Amino acid sequence: MIFGKYAAIAGAVAIGAIWPFATGQIGQSLYEQEIENMKSPYLTVETESYDRGYLSSEW
């Protein structure tokens, strides 16, 4: 029983550490999809700068 308790705590800590990275990756993927969907012969859309950090991102 004690091992299960420690495993649950370790799992919660791991999810907490990975969560910002995962949400940043999802957000970047959605952003890139929208840029691809906006392609048109009459319009040019491009990303000049995008910096994704562990807890923040700047466009």
PDB file of N, CA and C in Angstrom:
ATOM      1  N   MET A   1       0.808  -1.201   0.000  1.00  0.00           N
ATOM      2  CA  MET A   1       0.000   0.000   0.000  1.00  0.00           C
ATOM      3  C   MET A   1       0.848   1.261   0.000  1.00  0.00           C
ATOM      4  N   ILE A   2       1.968   1.236   0.716  1.00  0.00           N
ATOM      5  CA  ILE A   2       2.811   2.425   0.797  1.00  0.00           C
ATOM      6  C   ILE A   2       3.405   2.739  -0.576  1.00  0.00           C
ATOM      7  N   PHE A   3       3.799   1.702  -1.322  1.00  0.00           N
ATOM      8  CA  PHE A   3       4.375   1.926  -2.644  1.00  0.00           C
ATOM      9  C   PHE A   3       3.369   2.605  -3.572  1.00  0.00           C
ATOM     10  N   GLY A   4       2.119   2.227  -3.493  1.00  0.00           N
ATOM     11  CA  GLY A   4       1.078   2.845  -4.327  1.00  0.00           C
ATOM     12  C   GLY A   4       0.904   4.314  -4.029  1.00  0.00           C
ATOM     13  N   LYS A   5       1.018   4.675  -2.770  1.00  0.00           N
ATOM     14  CA  LYS A   5       0.886   6.077  -2.376  1.00  0.00           C
ATOM     15  C   LYS A   5       2.028   6.903  -2.968  1.00  0.00           C
ATOM     16  N   TYR A   6       3.255   6.379  -2.875  1.00  0.00           N
ATOM     17  CA  TYR A   6       4.406   7.098  -3.423  1.00  0.00           C
ATOM     18  C   TYR A   6       4.343   7.162  -4.951  1.00  0.00           C
ATOM     19  N   ALA A   7       3.849   6.114  -5.569  1.00  0.00           N
ATOM     20  CA  ALA A   7       3.714   6.116  -7.029  1.00  0.00           C
ATOM     21  C   ALA A   7       2.696   7.157  -7.472  1.00  0.00           C
ATOM     22  N   ALA A   8       1.612   7.283  -6.732  1.00  0.00           N
ATOM     23  CA  ALA A   8       0.594   8.288  -7.064  1.00  0.00           C
ATOM     24  C   ALA A   8       1.156   9.699  -6.916  1.00  0.00           C
ATOM     25  N   ILE A   9       1.917   9.929  -5.866  1.00  0.00           N
ATOM     26  CA  ILE A   9       2.527  11.246  -5.651  1.00  0.00           C
ATOM     27  C   ILE A   9       3.537  11.543  -6.756  1.00  0.00           C
ATOM     28  N   ALA A  10       4.359  10.563  -7.095  1.00  0.00           N
ATOM     29  CA  ALA A  10       5.346  10.754  -8.167  1.00  0.00           C
ATOM     30  C   ALA A  10       4.656  11.016  -9.499  1.00  0.00           C
ATOM     31  N   GLY A  11       3.567  10.332  -9.764  1.00  0.00           N
ATOM     32  CA  GLY A  11       2.817  10.558 -11.002  1.00  0.00           C
ATOM     33  C   GLY A  11       2.241  11.958 -11.061  1.00  0.00           C
ATOM     34  N   ALA A  12       1.707  12.438  -9.948  1.00  0.00           N
ATOM     35  CA  ALA A  12       1.153  13.793  -9.899  1.00  0.00           C
ATOM     36  C   ALA A  12       2.236  14.839 -10.121  1.00  0.00           C
ATOM     37  N   VAL A  13       3.396  14.631  -9.533  1.00  0.00           N
ATOM     38  CA  VAL A  13       4.513  15.571  -9.716  1.00  0.00           C
ATOM     39  C   VAL A  13       4.977  15.552 -11.174  1.00  0.00           C
ATOM     40  N   ALA A  14       5.044  14.369 -11.779  1.00  0.00           N
ATOM     41  CA  ALA A  14       5.477  14.271 -13.177  1.00  0.00           C
ATOM     42  C   ALA A  14       4.496  14.983 -14.099  1.00  0.00           C
ATOM     43  N   ILE A  15       3.207  14.792 -13.874  1.00  0.00           N
ATOM     44  CA  ILE A  15       2.200  15.467 -14.703  1.00  0.00           C
ATOM     45  C   ILE A  15       2.298  16.979 -14.515  1.00  0.00           C
ATOM     46  N   GLY A  16       2.499  17.414 -13.281  1.00  0.00           N
ATOM     47  CA  GLY A  16       2.643  18.843 -13.015  1.00  0.00           C
ATOM     48  C   GLY A  16       3.851  19.447 -13.703  1.00  0.00           C
ATOM     49  N   ALA A  17       4.933  18.678 -13.819  1.00  0.00           N
ATOM     50  CA  ALA A  17       6.151  19.179 -14.463  1.00  0.00           C
ATOM     51  C   ALA A  17       6.018  19.189 -15.983  1.00  0.00           C
ATOM     52  N   ILE A  18       5.285  18.250 -16.532  1.00  0.00           N
ATOM     53  CA  ILE A  18       5.154  18.120 -17.990  1.00  0.00           C
ATOM     54  C   ILE A  18       4.030  18.989 -18.549  1.00  0.00           C
ATOM     55  N   TRP A  19       3.058  19.341 -17.724  1.00  0.00           N
ATOM     56  CA  TRP A  19       1.865  20.046 -18.204  1.00  0.00           C
ATOM     57  C   TRP A  19       2.185  21.341 -18.975  1.00  0.00           C
ATOM     58  N   PRO A  20       3.044  22.251 -18.491  1.00  0.00           N
ATOM     59  CA  PRO A  20       3.326  23.472 -19.263  1.00  0.00           C
ATOM     60  C   PRO A  20       3.924  23.172 -20.643  1.00  0.00           C
ATOM     61  N   PHE A  21       4.795  22.183 -20.719  1.00  0.00           N
ATOM     62  CA  PHE A  21       5.377  21.818 -22.007  1.00  0.00           C
ATOM     63  C   PHE A  21       4.308  21.295 -22.961  1.00  0.00           C
ATOM     64  N   ALA A  22       3.437  20.441 -22.457  1.00  0.00           N
ATOM     65  CA  ALA A  22       2.393  19.848 -23.301  1.00  0.00           C
ATOM     66  C   ALA A  22       1.420  20.911 -23.802  1.00  0.00           C
ATOM     67  N   THR A  23       0.979  21.810 -22.952  1.00  0.00           N
ATOM     68  CA  THR A  23       0.040  22.840 -23.388  1.00  0.00           C
ATOM     69  C   THR A  23       0.711  23.807 -24.359  1.00  0.00           C
ATOM     70  N   GLY A  24       1.987  24.102 -24.165  1.00  0.00           N
ATOM     71  CA  GLY A  24       2.706  24.964 -25.114  1.00  0.00           C
ATOM     72  C   GLY A  24       2.829  24.310 -26.472  1.00  0.00           C
ATOM     73  N   GLN A  25       3.083  23.019 -26.507  1.00  0.00           N
ATOM     74  CA  GLN A  25       3.184  22.285 -27.765  1.00  0.00           C
ATOM     75  C   GLN A  25       1.845  22.256 -28.482  1.00  0.00           C
ATOM     76  N   ILE A  26       0.766  22.042 -27.751  1.00  0.00           N
ATOM     77  CA  ILE A  26      -0.574  22.028 -28.348  1.00  0.00           C
ATOM     78  C   ILE A  26      -0.901  23.405 -28.916  1.00  0.00           C
ATOM     79  N   GLY A  27      -0.607  24.454 -28.152  1.00  0.00           N
ATOM     80  CA  GLY A  27      -0.875  25.815 -28.628  1.00  0.00           C
ATOM     81  C   GLY A  27      -0.090  26.154 -29.880  1.00  0.00           C
ATOM     82  N   GLN A  28       1.166  25.748 -29.932  1.00  0.00           N
ATOM     83  CA  GLN A  28       1.985  26.010 -31.112  1.00  0.00           C
ATOM     84  C   GLN A  28       1.440  25.253 -32.323  1.00  0.00           C
ATOM     85  N   SER A  29       1.015  24.028 -32.136  1.00  0.00           N
ATOM     86  CA  SER A  29       0.456  23.246 -33.241  1.00  0.00           C
ATOM     87  C   SER A  29      -0.814  23.886 -33.787  1.00  0.00           C
ATOM     88  N   LEU A  30      -1.684  24.352 -32.886  1.00  0.00           N
ATOM     89  CA  LEU A  30      -2.914  25.014 -33.324  1.00  0.00           C
ATOM     90  C   LEU A  30      -2.606  26.295 -34.086  1.00  0.00           C
ATOM     91  N   TYR A  31      -1.640  27.059 -33.597  1.00  0.00           N
ATOM     92  CA  TYR A  31      -1.234  28.301 -34.262  1.00  0.00           C
ATOM     93  C   TYR A  31      -0.721  28.018 -35.672  1.00  0.00           C
ATOM     94  N   GLU A  32       0.143  27.015 -35.801  1.00  0.00           N
ATOM     95  CA  GLU A  32       0.694  26.681 -37.113  1.00  0.00           C
ATOM     96  C   GLU A  32      -0.385  26.168 -38.064  1.00  0.00           C
ATOM     97  N   GLN A  33      -1.367  25.440 -37.556  1.00  0.00           N
ATOM     98  CA  GLN A  33      -2.474  24.976 -38.389  1.00  0.00           C
ATOM     99  C   GLN A  33      -3.276  26.154 -38.932  1.00  0.00           C
ATOM    100  N   GLU A  34      -3.540  27.137 -38.082  1.00  0.00           N
ATOM    101  CA  GLU A  34      -4.296  28.308 -38.522  1.00  0.00           C
ATOM    102  C   GLU A  34      -3.531  29.094 -39.581  1.00  0.00           C
ATOM    103  N   ILE A  35      -2.233  29.203 -39.435  1.00  0.00           N
ATOM    104  CA  ILE A  35      -1.421  29.884 -40.450  1.00  0.00           C
ATOM    105  C   ILE A  35      -1.527  29.135 -41.775  1.00  0.00           C
ATOM    106  N   GLU A  36      -1.469  27.807 -41.732  1.00  0.00           N
ATOM    107  CA  GLU A  36      -1.591  27.005 -42.957  1.00  0.00           C
ATOM    108  C   GLU A  36      -2.969  27.163 -43.583  1.00  0.00           C
ATOM    109  N   ASN A  37      -4.020  27.267 -42.766  1.00  0.00           N
ATOM    110  CA  ASN A  37      -5.382  27.411 -43.284  1.00  0.00           C
ATOM    111  C   ASN A  37      -5.620  28.769 -43.928  1.00  0.00           C
ATOM    112  N   MET A  38      -4.819  29.766 -43.602  1.00  0.00           N
ATOM    113  CA  MET A  38      -5.000  31.113 -44.131  1.00  0.00           C
ATOM    114  C   MET A  38      -4.313  31.323 -45.477  1.00  0.00           C
ATOM    115  N   LYS A  39      -3.668  30.326 -46.013  1.00  0.00           N
ATOM    116  CA  LYS A  39      -2.961  30.493 -47.280  1.00  0.00           C
ATOM    117  C   LYS A  39      -3.945  30.843 -48.392  1.00  0.00           C
ATOM    118  N   SER A  40      -3.575  31.826 -49.167  1.00  0.00           N
ATOM    119  CA  SER A  40      -4.409  32.322 -50.249  1.00  0.00           C
ATOM    120  C   SER A  40      -3.495  32.963 -51.292  1.00  0.00           C
ATOM    121  N   PRO A  41      -3.881  32.928 -52.560  1.00  0.00           N
ATOM    122  CA  PRO A  41      -3.047  33.607 -53.556  1.00  0.00           C
ATOM    123  C   PRO A  41      -3.061  35.131 -53.400  1.00  0.00           C
ATOM    124  N   TYR A  42      -4.015  35.649 -52.652  1.00  0.00           N
ATOM    125  CA  TYR A  42      -4.154  37.097 -52.484  1.00  0.00           C
ATOM    126  C   TYR A  42      -3.620  37.601 -51.146  1.00  0.00           C
ATOM    127  N   LEU A  43      -3.209  36.692 -50.290  1.00  0.00           N
ATOM    128  CA  LEU A  43      -2.826  37.075 -48.945  1.00  0.00           C
ATOM    129  C   LEU A  43      -1.582  36.296 -48.525  1.00  0.00           C
ATOM    130  N   THR A  44      -0.645  36.974 -47.894  1.00  0.00           N
ATOM    131  CA  THR A  44       0.552  36.317 -47.368  1.00  0.00           C
ATOM    132  C   THR A  44       0.550  36.476 -45.858  1.00  0.00           C
ATOM    133  N   VAL A  45       0.601  35.354 -45.165  1.00  0.00           N
ATOM    134  CA  VAL A  45       0.666  35.354 -43.708  1.00  0.00           C
ATOM    135  C   VAL A  45       1.909  34.581 -43.316  1.00  0.00           C
ATOM    136  N   GLU A  46       2.733  35.188 -42.483  1.00  0.00           N
ATOM    137  CA  GLU A  46       3.926  34.499 -42.022  1.00  0.00           C
ATOM    138  C   GLU A  46       4.211  34.882 -40.584  1.00  0.00           C
ATOM    139  N   THR A  47       4.923  34.032 -39.905  1.00  0.00           N
ATOM    140  CA  THR A  47       5.318  34.285 -38.531  1.00  0.00           C
ATOM    141  C   THR A  47       6.712  34.896 -38.548  1.00  0.00           C
ATOM    142  N   GLU A  48       6.822  36.099 -38.028  1.00  0.00           N
ATOM    143  CA  GLU A  48       8.127  36.745 -37.979  1.00  0.00           C
ATOM    144  C   GLU A  48       8.958  36.211 -36.823  1.00  0.00           C
ATOM    145  N   SER A  49       8.302  35.956 -35.705  1.00  0.00           N
ATOM    146  CA  SER A  49       9.040  35.482 -34.544  1.00  0.00           C
ATOM    147  C   SER A  49       8.096  34.712 -33.639  1.00  0.00           C
ATOM    148  N   TYR A  50       8.573  33.618 -33.110  1.00  0.00           N
ATOM    149  CA  TYR A  50       7.806  32.824 -32.149  1.00  0.00           C
ATOM    150  C   TYR A  50       8.799  32.150 -31.221  1.00  0.00           C
ATOM    151  N   ASP A  51       8.702  32.451 -29.955  1.00  0.00           N
ATOM    152  CA  ASP A  51       9.613  31.902 -28.967  1.00  0.00           C
ATOM    153  C   ASP A  51       8.798  31.208 -27.891  1.00  0.00           C
ATOM    154  N   ARG A  52       8.889  29.891 -27.839  1.00  0.00           N
ATOM    155  CA  ARG A  52       8.134  29.126 -26.855  1.00  0.00           C
ATOM    156  C   ARG A  52       9.075  28.658 -25.772  1.00  0.00           C
ATOM    157  N   GLY A  53       8.828  29.123 -24.568  1.00  0.00           N
ATOM    158  CA  GLY A  53       9.615  28.704 -23.420  1.00  0.00           C
ATOM    159  C   GLY A  53       8.878  27.663 -22.617  1.00  0.00           C
ATOM    160  N   TYR A  54       9.396  27.325 -21.465  1.00  0.00           N
ATOM    161  CA  TYR A  54       8.774  26.303 -20.620  1.00  0.00           C
ATOM    162  C   TYR A  54       7.467  26.812 -20.030  1.00  0.00           C
ATOM    163  N   LEU A  55       7.430  28.029 -19.517  1.00  0.00           N
ATOM    164  CA  LEU A  55       6.221  28.562 -18.900  1.00  0.00           C
ATOM    165  C   LEU A  55       5.650  29.760 -19.641  1.00  0.00           C
ATOM    166  N   SER A  56       6.194  30.109 -20.799  1.00  0.00           N
ATOM    167  CA  SER A  56       5.671  31.259 -21.516  1.00  0.00           C
ATOM    168  C   SER A  56       5.990  31.120 -23.012  1.00  0.00           C
ATOM    169  N   SER A  57       5.313  31.958 -23.790  1.00  0.00           N
ATOM    170  CA  SER A  57       5.611  32.039 -25.214  1.00  0.00           C
ATOM    171  C   SER A  57       5.390  33.478 -25.662  1.00  0.00           C
ATOM    172  N   GLU A  58       6.171  33.894 -26.628  1.00  0.00           N
ATOM    173  CA  GLU A  58       6.061  35.255 -27.163  1.00  0.00           C
ATOM    174  C   GLU A  58       5.937  35.168 -28.670  1.00  0.00           C
ATOM    175  N   TRP A  59       4.987  35.913 -29.226  1.00  0.00           N
ATOM    176  CA  TRP A  59       4.749  35.903 -30.685  1.00  0.00           C
ATOM    177  C   TRP A  59       5.244  37.167 -31.270  1.00  0.00           C
TER     178      TRP A  59
END
